Amino acid sequence: MKKINKIFLLCTLLLSFFLLSCAKEEVHAEFMDPMEIESLEGSIEQFFTGIVSQDEESLENSIEEAYAFKEEVLYNALTNFKNNRKELGEFQEVKNSIVTKEEGEYKFHLVAQFEKRALDFDASLKADSSEFTSMSFVPEYSMEEKMASAGQNLLVGMGMVFAVLIFIAWIISLFKYIHIWEEKHKEKKAKRKMPAPTAKAVEKQVPKRVVPLIEKEEGISEDVLSIVMMAAIEAYEAEQVVENPFKDAKELNNGLVVRSIRRRR
């Protein structure tokens, strides 16, 4: 029981150290004069209104100017706003704005209402007002829109995975044809390497005609055996007789025979 308590206490301490290491340091806002806050709020609202009220051509010119002067923060922010403009609709009003000073920089947070949805604008400006260190235009989406977007991303991702798996399966199914092609290729190579058959090999392959041997049996006279042999020879020769091709030729009265002669090419 004591060992279990010690292990539990050790795990609790480790978890506490982990949470402390992951905790963010609190940043305390510096004191600002109310007049300064009011002036900065008016300036940032004017700056924001000037951007969102531009038409497409003016906004494109502002993006090109930011690119020409190498203002990376402003260029990325304006490009992001241009891409999300269709989802926002027309600008209506600025709901509220907050200005704070943290770590020597002015932090601006502004909420604006557009035709289709609200927009969160955040920016960081150096204390000497020389340049912006960060800027973002983030549209606010409802939970239904976030779930729908997540579902679309899920379907697209799963579709891509299944498409890749089907393609891999199709490639694997072609391996059997590759094996068949390799076997045929090997057979062709083997046939090319085989030597040409010689005359002796051809003679060995041609089967010889086997002449049956007639043995003399006891009780059969030589005369009977010779008669049987002669009859067999005559029957064999009768089968081998070639029919005369000129038997239908016409004979003349003078004893001459007319035959048709053709030259063979």
C-alpha atoms as a PDB file:
ATOM      1  CA  MET A   1       0.000   0.000   0.000  1.00  0.00           C
ATOM      2  CA  LYS A   2       2.847   2.376   0.841  1.00  0.00           C
ATOM      3  CA  LYS A   3       4.506   1.647  -2.506  1.00  0.00           C
ATOM      4  CA  ILE A   4       1.275   2.500  -4.337  1.00  0.00           C
ATOM      5  CA  ASN A   5       0.995   5.807  -2.440  1.00  0.00           C
ATOM      6  CA  LYS A   6       4.587   6.689  -3.301  1.00  0.00           C
ATOM      7  CA  ILE A   7       4.041   5.929  -6.987  1.00  0.00           C
ATOM      8  CA  PHE A   8       0.849   8.021  -6.996  1.00  0.00           C
ATOM      9  CA  LEU A   9       2.630  10.981  -5.353  1.00  0.00           C
ATOM     10  CA  LEU A  10       5.510  10.696  -7.839  1.00  0.00           C
ATOM     11  CA  CYS A  11       3.131  10.734 -10.797  1.00  0.00           C
ATOM     12  CA  THR A  12       1.319  13.758  -9.355  1.00  0.00           C
ATOM     13  CA  LEU A  13       4.587  15.669  -8.978  1.00  0.00           C
ATOM     14  CA  LEU A  14       5.666  14.842 -12.520  1.00  0.00           C
ATOM     15  CA  LEU A  15       2.306  15.983 -13.876  1.00  0.00           C
ATOM     16  CA  SER A  16       2.541  19.231 -11.909  1.00  0.00           C
ATOM     17  CA  PHE A  17       6.032  19.978 -13.248  1.00  0.00           C
ATOM     18  CA  PHE A  18       4.836  19.240 -16.786  1.00  0.00           C
ATOM     19  CA  LEU A  19       1.877  21.612 -16.487  1.00  0.00           C
ATOM     20  CA  LEU A  20       4.062  24.327 -15.002  1.00  0.00           C
ATOM     21  CA  SER A  21       6.561  24.005 -17.835  1.00  0.00           C
ATOM     22  CA  CYS A  22       3.774  24.243 -20.438  1.00  0.00           C
ATOM     23  CA  ALA A  23       2.058  27.215 -18.801  1.00  0.00           C
ATOM     24  CA  LYS A  24       2.463  30.533 -20.580  1.00  0.00           C
ATOM     25  CA  GLU A  25       4.005  33.438 -18.820  1.00  0.00           C
ATOM     26  CA  GLU A  26       1.503  36.116 -17.981  1.00  0.00           C
ATOM     27  CA  VAL A  27       2.105  39.373 -19.760  1.00  0.00           C
ATOM     28  CA  HIS A  28       0.998  42.438 -17.846  1.00  0.00           C
ATOM     29  CA  ALA A  29      -0.227  45.400 -19.852  1.00  0.00           C
ATOM     30  CA  GLU A  30       1.609  48.645 -19.347  1.00  0.00           C
ATOM     31  CA  PHE A  31      -0.168  51.763 -18.131  1.00  0.00           C
ATOM     32  CA  MET A  32      -1.404  54.069 -20.903  1.00  0.00           C
ATOM     33  CA  ASP A  33      -2.816  57.572 -20.802  1.00  0.00           C
ATOM     34  CA  PRO A  34      -6.569  57.612 -21.680  1.00  0.00           C
ATOM     35  CA  MET A  35      -5.939  60.353 -24.216  1.00  0.00           C
ATOM     36  CA  GLU A  36      -3.299  58.205 -25.896  1.00  0.00           C
ATOM     37  CA  ILE A  37      -5.662  55.215 -25.932  1.00  0.00           C
ATOM     38  CA  GLU A  38      -8.422  57.277 -27.511  1.00  0.00           C
ATOM     39  CA  SER A  39      -6.054  58.670 -30.131  1.00  0.00           C
ATOM     40  CA  LEU A  40      -4.718  55.213 -31.025  1.00  0.00           C
ATOM     41  CA  GLU A  41      -8.214  53.735 -31.200  1.00  0.00           C
ATOM     42  CA  GLY A  42      -9.294  56.439 -33.618  1.00  0.00           C
ATOM     43  CA  SER A  43      -6.144  55.936 -35.737  1.00  0.00           C
ATOM     44  CA  ILE A  44      -6.523  52.159 -35.963  1.00  0.00           C
ATOM     45  CA  GLU A  45     -10.234  52.430 -36.788  1.00  0.00           C
ATOM     46  CA  GLN A  46      -9.440  54.914 -39.537  1.00  0.00           C
ATOM     47  CA  PHE A  47      -6.670  52.658 -40.861  1.00  0.00           C
ATOM     48  CA  PHE A  48      -8.955  49.605 -40.797  1.00  0.00           C
ATOM     49  CA  THR A  49     -11.869  51.436 -42.439  1.00  0.00           C
ATOM     50  CA  GLY A  50      -9.569  52.702 -45.183  1.00  0.00           C
ATOM     51  CA  ILE A  51      -8.546  49.128 -46.026  1.00  0.00           C
ATOM     52  CA  VAL A  52     -11.969  47.408 -45.945  1.00  0.00           C
ATOM     53  CA  SER A  53     -13.691  50.246 -47.847  1.00  0.00           C
ATOM     54  CA  GLN A  54     -11.454  49.928 -50.895  1.00  0.00           C
ATOM     55  CA  ASP A  55     -12.755  48.442 -54.135  1.00  0.00           C
ATOM     56  CA  GLU A  56     -11.047  45.507 -55.842  1.00  0.00           C
ATOM     57  CA  GLU A  57      -8.770  47.649 -57.995  1.00  0.00           C
ATOM     58  CA  SER A  58      -7.644  49.886 -55.121  1.00  0.00           C
ATOM     59  CA  LEU A  59      -7.023  46.886 -52.888  1.00  0.00           C
ATOM     60  CA  GLU A  60      -4.928  45.264 -55.595  1.00  0.00           C
ATOM     61  CA  ASN A  61      -2.875  48.454 -55.916  1.00  0.00           C
ATOM     62  CA  SER A  62      -2.300  48.509 -52.136  1.00  0.00           C
ATOM     63  CA  ILE A  63      -1.068  44.903 -52.282  1.00  0.00           C
ATOM     64  CA  GLU A  64       1.334  45.757 -55.113  1.00  0.00           C
ATOM     65  CA  GLU A  65       2.668  48.780 -53.185  1.00  0.00           C
ATOM     66  CA  ALA A  66       3.253  46.668 -50.080  1.00  0.00           C
ATOM     67  CA  TYR A  67       5.129  44.151 -52.210  1.00  0.00           C
ATOM     68  CA  ALA A  68       7.191  46.879 -53.881  1.00  0.00           C
ATOM     69  CA  PHE A  69       8.206  48.404 -50.510  1.00  0.00           C
ATOM     70  CA  LYS A  70       8.878  44.899 -49.094  1.00  0.00           C
ATOM     71  CA  GLU A  71       6.315  45.301 -46.296  1.00  0.00           C
ATOM     72  CA  GLU A  72       5.813  41.596 -45.729  1.00  0.00           C
ATOM     73  CA  VAL A  73       3.355  41.874 -42.817  1.00  0.00           C
ATOM     74  CA  LEU A  74       1.042  44.282 -44.651  1.00  0.00           C
ATOM     75  CA  TYR A  75       1.308  42.324 -47.922  1.00  0.00           C
ATOM     76  CA  ASN A  76       0.276  39.021 -46.302  1.00  0.00           C
ATOM     77  CA  ALA A  77      -2.563  40.651 -44.338  1.00  0.00           C
ATOM     78  CA  LEU A  78      -4.028  42.422 -47.374  1.00  0.00           C
ATOM     79  CA  THR A  79      -3.771  39.270 -49.489  1.00  0.00           C
ATOM     80  CA  ASN A  80      -5.580  37.291 -46.783  1.00  0.00           C
ATOM     81  CA  PHE A  81      -8.334  39.905 -46.585  1.00  0.00           C
ATOM     82  CA  LYS A  82      -8.740  39.873 -50.378  1.00  0.00           C
ATOM     83  CA  ASN A  83      -9.153  36.083 -50.387  1.00  0.00           C
ATOM     84  CA  ASN A  84     -11.838  36.216 -47.642  1.00  0.00           C
ATOM     85  CA  ARG A  85     -13.704  39.242 -48.974  1.00  0.00           C
ATOM     86  CA  LYS A  86     -16.413  37.236 -50.763  1.00  0.00           C
ATOM     87  CA  GLU A  87     -17.227  35.375 -47.545  1.00  0.00           C
ATOM     88  CA  LEU A  88     -17.546  38.653 -45.604  1.00  0.00           C
ATOM     89  CA  GLY A  89     -19.698  40.754 -47.878  1.00  0.00           C
ATOM     90  CA  GLU A  90     -19.956  44.534 -47.619  1.00  0.00           C
ATOM     91  CA  PHE A  91     -18.493  46.381 -44.622  1.00  0.00           C
ATOM     92  CA  GLN A  92     -21.089  47.794 -42.203  1.00  0.00           C
ATOM     93  CA  GLU A  93     -19.527  49.080 -38.967  1.00  0.00           C
ATOM     94  CA  VAL A  94     -16.846  48.740 -36.288  1.00  0.00           C
ATOM     95  CA  LYS A  95     -18.340  47.197 -33.153  1.00  0.00           C
ATOM     96  CA  ASN A  96     -15.515  47.812 -30.706  1.00  0.00           C
ATOM     97  CA  SER A  97     -11.757  48.233 -30.481  1.00  0.00           C
ATOM     98  CA  ILE A  98      -9.200  47.651 -27.731  1.00  0.00           C
ATOM     99  CA  VAL A  99      -5.691  49.106 -27.482  1.00  0.00           C
ATOM    100  CA  THR A 100      -3.062  47.870 -25.013  1.00  0.00           C
ATOM    101  CA  LYS A 101       0.689  48.215 -24.626  1.00  0.00           C
ATOM    102  CA  GLU A 102       2.677  45.043 -23.970  1.00  0.00           C
ATOM    103  CA  GLU A 103       6.448  44.541 -24.095  1.00  0.00           C
ATOM    104  CA  GLY A 104       7.030  47.884 -25.750  1.00  0.00           C
ATOM    105  CA  GLU A 105       4.453  47.361 -28.519  1.00  0.00           C
ATOM    106  CA  TYR A 106       0.903  48.544 -29.083  1.00  0.00           C
ATOM    107  CA  LYS A 107      -1.621  45.683 -29.421  1.00  0.00           C
ATOM    108  CA  PHE A 108      -4.831  46.364 -31.331  1.00  0.00           C
ATOM    109  CA  HIS A 109      -7.921  44.176 -31.324  1.00  0.00           C
ATOM    110  CA  LEU A 110     -10.879  45.315 -33.390  1.00  0.00           C
ATOM    111  CA  VAL A 111     -14.214  43.621 -34.126  1.00  0.00           C
ATOM    112  CA  ALA A 112     -16.071  44.704 -37.278  1.00  0.00           C
ATOM    113  CA  GLN A 113     -19.429  43.642 -38.653  1.00  0.00           C
ATOM    114  CA  PHE A 114     -19.788  42.786 -42.316  1.00  0.00           C
ATOM    115  CA  GLU A 115     -22.823  41.788 -44.367  1.00  0.00           C
ATOM    116  CA  LYS A 116     -22.379  38.008 -43.940  1.00  0.00           C
ATOM    117  CA  ARG A 117     -20.303  37.652 -40.764  1.00  0.00           C
ATOM    118  CA  ALA A 118     -18.099  39.419 -38.233  1.00  0.00           C
ATOM    119  CA  LEU A 119     -14.343  39.916 -38.586  1.00  0.00           C
ATOM    120  CA  ASP A 120     -11.586  39.999 -35.960  1.00  0.00           C
ATOM    121  CA  PHE A 121      -8.710  42.338 -36.751  1.00  0.00           C
ATOM    122  CA  ASP A 122      -5.501  42.040 -34.713  1.00  0.00           C
ATOM    123  CA  ALA A 123      -2.309  44.032 -35.165  1.00  0.00           C
ATOM    124  CA  SER A 124       0.909  44.849 -33.335  1.00  0.00           C
ATOM    125  CA  LEU A 125       2.666  48.221 -33.808  1.00  0.00           C
ATOM    126  CA  LYS A 126       6.069  49.237 -32.573  1.00  0.00           C
ATOM    127  CA  ALA A 127       6.169  51.880 -29.841  1.00  0.00           C
ATOM    128  CA  ASP A 128       7.718  54.432 -32.218  1.00  0.00           C
ATOM    129  CA  SER A 129       4.905  53.740 -34.742  1.00  0.00           C
ATOM    130  CA  SER A 130       7.485  52.908 -37.416  1.00  0.00           C
ATOM    131  CA  GLU A 131       5.985  49.634 -38.661  1.00  0.00           C
ATOM    132  CA  PHE A 132       3.572  46.800 -37.903  1.00  0.00           C
ATOM    133  CA  THR A 133       5.114  43.600 -36.562  1.00  0.00           C
ATOM    134  CA  SER A 134       1.950  41.515 -37.069  1.00  0.00           C
ATOM    135  CA  MET A 135      -1.487  41.894 -38.665  1.00  0.00           C
ATOM    136  CA  SER A 136      -4.356  39.501 -39.350  1.00  0.00           C
ATOM    137  CA  PHE A 137      -7.926  39.504 -40.694  1.00  0.00           C
ATOM    138  CA  VAL A 138      -9.815  36.495 -39.282  1.00  0.00           C
ATOM    139  CA  PRO A 139     -13.496  35.929 -40.216  1.00  0.00           C
ATOM    140  CA  GLU A 140     -15.769  34.495 -37.527  1.00  0.00           C
ATOM    141  CA  TYR A 141     -17.494  31.251 -38.541  1.00  0.00           C
ATOM    142  CA  SER A 142     -20.418  29.581 -36.808  1.00  0.00           C
ATOM    143  CA  MET A 143     -20.184  26.087 -35.370  1.00  0.00           C
ATOM    144  CA  GLU A 144     -22.290  24.694 -38.233  1.00  0.00           C
ATOM    145  CA  GLU A 145     -19.940  26.205 -40.814  1.00  0.00           C
ATOM    146  CA  LYS A 146     -16.886  24.844 -38.987  1.00  0.00           C
ATOM    147  CA  MET A 147     -18.412  21.351 -38.844  1.00  0.00           C
ATOM    148  CA  ALA A 148     -19.368  21.493 -42.527  1.00  0.00           C
ATOM    149  CA  SER A 149     -15.845  22.581 -43.480  1.00  0.00           C
ATOM    150  CA  ALA A 150     -14.351  19.832 -41.316  1.00  0.00           C
ATOM    151  CA  GLY A 151     -16.656  17.268 -42.955  1.00  0.00           C
ATOM    152  CA  GLN A 152     -15.619  18.407 -46.437  1.00  0.00           C
ATOM    153  CA  ASN A 153     -11.955  18.177 -45.520  1.00  0.00           C
ATOM    154  CA  LEU A 154     -12.539  14.706 -44.078  1.00  0.00           C
ATOM    155  CA  LEU A 155     -14.298  13.484 -47.225  1.00  0.00           C
ATOM    156  CA  VAL A 156     -11.615  14.916 -49.490  1.00  0.00           C
ATOM    157  CA  GLY A 157      -8.864  13.363 -47.377  1.00  0.00           C
ATOM    158  CA  MET A 158     -10.541   9.947 -47.279  1.00  0.00           C
ATOM    159  CA  GLY A 159     -11.233  10.130 -51.011  1.00  0.00           C
ATOM    160  CA  MET A 160      -7.579  10.827 -51.717  1.00  0.00           C
ATOM    161  CA  VAL A 161      -6.487   7.931 -49.490  1.00  0.00           C
ATOM    162  CA  PHE A 162      -8.862   5.456 -51.159  1.00  0.00           C
ATOM    163  CA  ALA A 163      -7.854   6.686 -54.617  1.00  0.00           C
ATOM    164  CA  VAL A 164      -4.178   6.091 -53.810  1.00  0.00           C
ATOM    165  CA  LEU A 165      -4.959   2.627 -52.380  1.00  0.00           C
ATOM    166  CA  ILE A 166      -6.944   1.666 -55.501  1.00  0.00           C
ATOM    167  CA  PHE A 167      -4.102   2.865 -57.709  1.00  0.00           C
ATOM    168  CA  ILE A 168      -1.567   0.822 -55.710  1.00  0.00           C
ATOM    169  CA  ALA A 169      -3.819  -2.270 -55.930  1.00  0.00           C
ATOM    170  CA  TRP A 170      -4.066  -1.793 -59.706  1.00  0.00           C
ATOM    171  CA  ILE A 171      -0.276  -1.563 -59.985  1.00  0.00           C
ATOM    172  CA  ILE A 172       0.113  -4.767 -57.932  1.00  0.00           C
ATOM    173  CA  SER A 173      -2.420  -6.571 -60.154  1.00  0.00           C
ATOM    174  CA  LEU A 174      -0.165  -5.887 -63.161  1.00  0.00           C
ATOM    175  CA  PHE A 175       2.724  -7.834 -61.644  1.00  0.00           C
ATOM    176  CA  LYS A 176       1.371 -11.150 -63.004  1.00  0.00           C
ATOM    177  CA  TYR A 177       1.539  -9.784 -66.562  1.00  0.00           C
ATOM    178  CA  ILE A 178       5.101  -8.674 -65.933  1.00  0.00           C
ATOM    179  CA  HIS A 179       5.941 -12.241 -64.852  1.00  0.00           C
ATOM    180  CA  ILE A 180       4.329 -13.670 -68.019  1.00  0.00           C
ATOM    181  CA  TRP A 181       6.279 -11.219 -70.165  1.00  0.00           C
ATOM    182  CA  GLU A 182       9.530 -12.204 -68.437  1.00  0.00           C
ATOM    183  CA  GLU A 183       8.838 -15.913 -69.048  1.00  0.00           C
ATOM    184  CA  LYS A 184       8.149 -15.308 -72.749  1.00  0.00           C
ATOM    185  CA  HIS A 185      11.293 -13.212 -73.018  1.00  0.00           C
ATOM    186  CA  LYS A 186      13.352 -16.010 -71.447  1.00  0.00           C
ATOM    187  CA  GLU A 187      11.844 -18.580 -73.854  1.00  0.00           C
ATOM    188  CA  LYS A 188      12.751 -16.418 -76.851  1.00  0.00           C
ATOM    189  CA  LYS A 189      16.311 -16.047 -75.588  1.00  0.00           C
ATOM    190  CA  ALA A 190      16.575 -19.818 -75.045  1.00  0.00           C
ATOM    191  CA  LYS A 191      15.328 -20.528 -78.589  1.00  0.00           C
ATOM    192  CA  ARG A 192      17.877 -18.124 -80.049  1.00  0.00           C
ATOM    193  CA  LYS A 193      20.692 -19.824 -78.166  1.00  0.00           C
ATOM    194  CA  MET A 194      19.664 -23.383 -79.306  1.00  0.00           C
ATOM    195  CA  PRO A 195      21.992 -24.798 -82.119  1.00  0.00           C
ATOM    196  CA  ALA A 196      20.548 -25.669 -85.537  1.00  0.00           C
ATOM    197  CA  PRO A 197      19.661 -29.381 -85.922  1.00  0.00           C
ATOM    198  CA  THR A 198      22.247 -31.478 -87.883  1.00  0.00           C
ATOM    199  CA  ALA A 199      21.547 -34.161 -90.483  1.00  0.00           C
ATOM    200  CA  LYS A 200      22.264 -36.968 -88.030  1.00  0.00           C
ATOM    201  CA  ALA A 201      19.837 -35.465 -85.514  1.00  0.00           C
ATOM    202  CA  VAL A 202      17.145 -35.256 -88.197  1.00  0.00           C
ATOM    203  CA  GLU A 203      17.755 -38.905 -89.145  1.00  0.00           C
ATOM    204  CA  LYS A 204      17.368 -39.926 -85.531  1.00  0.00           C
ATOM    205  CA  GLN A 205      14.107 -38.028 -85.264  1.00  0.00           C
ATOM    206  CA  VAL A 206      12.610 -39.615 -88.436  1.00  0.00           C
ATOM    207  CA  PRO A 207      11.158 -42.987 -87.489  1.00  0.00           C
ATOM    208  CA  LYS A 208      12.356 -45.916 -89.607  1.00  0.00           C
ATOM    209  CA  ARG A 209       9.903 -48.237 -91.301  1.00  0.00           C
ATOM    210  CA  VAL A 210       9.819 -51.500 -89.458  1.00  0.00           C
ATOM    211  CA  VAL A 211       9.541 -54.549 -91.714  1.00  0.00           C
ATOM    212  CA  PRO A 212       7.857 -57.392 -89.933  1.00  0.00           C
ATOM    213  CA  LEU A 213       9.836 -60.600 -89.789  1.00  0.00           C
ATOM    214  CA  ILE A 214       8.090 -63.836 -90.550  1.00  0.00           C
ATOM    215  CA  GLU A 215       9.485 -66.701 -88.613  1.00  0.00           C
ATOM    216  CA  LYS A 216       9.052 -70.220 -89.692  1.00  0.00           C
ATOM    217  CA  GLU A 217       6.845 -72.185 -87.429  1.00  0.00           C
ATOM    218  CA  GLU A 218       7.011 -75.883 -86.925  1.00  0.00           C
ATOM    219  CA  GLY A 219       4.587 -77.909 -89.041  1.00  0.00           C
ATOM    220  CA  ILE A 220       4.553 -75.399 -91.995  1.00  0.00           C
ATOM    221  CA  SER A 221       6.259 -76.504 -95.187  1.00  0.00           C
ATOM    222  CA  GLU A 222       8.637 -74.263 -97.100  1.00  0.00           C
ATOM    223  CA  ASP A 223       6.352 -74.239-100.149  1.00  0.00           C
ATOM    224  CA  VAL A 224       3.403 -72.895 -98.148  1.00  0.00           C
ATOM    225  CA  LEU A 225       5.619 -70.297 -96.503  1.00  0.00           C
ATOM    226  CA  SER A 226       6.986 -69.097 -99.833  1.00  0.00           C
ATOM    227  CA  ILE A 227       3.479 -68.847-101.286  1.00  0.00           C
ATOM    228  CA  VAL A 228       2.339 -66.691 -98.327  1.00  0.00           C
ATOM    229  CA  MET A 229       5.393 -64.466 -98.658  1.00  0.00           C
ATOM    230  CA  MET A 230       4.810 -63.967-102.383  1.00  0.00           C
ATOM    231  CA  ALA A 231       1.159 -63.068-101.776  1.00  0.00           C
ATOM    232  CA  ALA A 232       2.143 -60.525 -99.140  1.00  0.00           C
ATOM    233  CA  ILE A 233       4.753 -58.964-101.449  1.00  0.00           C
ATOM    234  CA  GLU A 234       2.270 -58.696-104.325  1.00  0.00           C
ATOM    235  CA  ALA A 235      -0.347 -57.097-102.043  1.00  0.00           C
ATOM    236  CA  TYR A 236       2.213 -54.554-100.822  1.00  0.00           C
ATOM    237  CA  GLU A 237       3.346 -53.716-104.369  1.00  0.00           C
ATOM    238  CA  ALA A 238      -0.284 -53.355-105.476  1.00  0.00           C
ATOM    239  CA  GLU A 239      -0.792 -50.722-102.799  1.00  0.00           C
ATOM    240  CA  GLN A 240       2.346 -48.875-103.926  1.00  0.00           C
ATOM    241  CA  VAL A 241       1.425 -48.786-107.617  1.00  0.00           C
ATOM    242  CA  VAL A 242       1.218 -45.218-108.935  1.00  0.00           C
ATOM    243  CA  GLU A 243      -1.690 -44.519-111.204  1.00  0.00           C
ATOM    244  CA  ASN A 244      -0.631 -43.618-114.773  1.00  0.00           C
ATOM    245  CA  PRO A 245      -1.388 -39.923-115.303  1.00  0.00           C
ATOM    246  CA  PHE A 246      -1.548 -40.418-119.085  1.00  0.00           C
ATOM    247  CA  LYS A 247      -4.129 -43.207-119.203  1.00  0.00           C
ATOM    248  CA  ASP A 248      -6.786 -40.840-120.624  1.00  0.00           C
ATOM    249  CA  ALA A 249      -4.578 -39.637-123.474  1.00  0.00           C
ATOM    250  CA  LYS A 250      -5.989 -40.049-126.997  1.00  0.00           C
ATOM    251  CA  GLU A 251      -4.316 -42.442-129.425  1.00  0.00           C
ATOM    252  CA  LEU A 252      -3.973 -41.608-133.134  1.00  0.00           C
ATOM    253  CA  ASN A 253      -4.454 -44.060-136.030  1.00  0.00           C
ATOM    254  CA  ASN A 254      -0.735 -44.057-136.733  1.00  0.00           C
ATOM    255  CA  GLY A 255       0.016 -45.379-133.269  1.00  0.00           C
ATOM    256  CA  LEU A 256       1.155 -42.058-131.770  1.00  0.00           C
ATOM    257  CA  VAL A 257      -0.136 -40.922-128.383  1.00  0.00           C
ATOM    258  CA  VAL A 258      -0.942 -37.221-127.676  1.00  0.00           C
ATOM    259  CA  ARG A 259      -0.089 -36.137-124.188  1.00  0.00           C
ATOM    260  CA  SER A 260      -0.406 -32.766-122.459  1.00  0.00           C
ATOM    261  CA  ILE A 261       2.970 -31.468-121.324  1.00  0.00           C
ATOM    262  CA  ARG A 262       3.286 -28.546-118.920  1.00  0.00           C
ATOM    263  CA  ARG A 263       6.407 -26.864-117.737  1.00  0.00           C
ATOM    264  CA  ARG A 264       6.786 -26.708-113.983  1.00  0.00           C
ATOM    265  CA  ARG A 265       8.069 -23.464-112.600  1.00  0.00           C
END
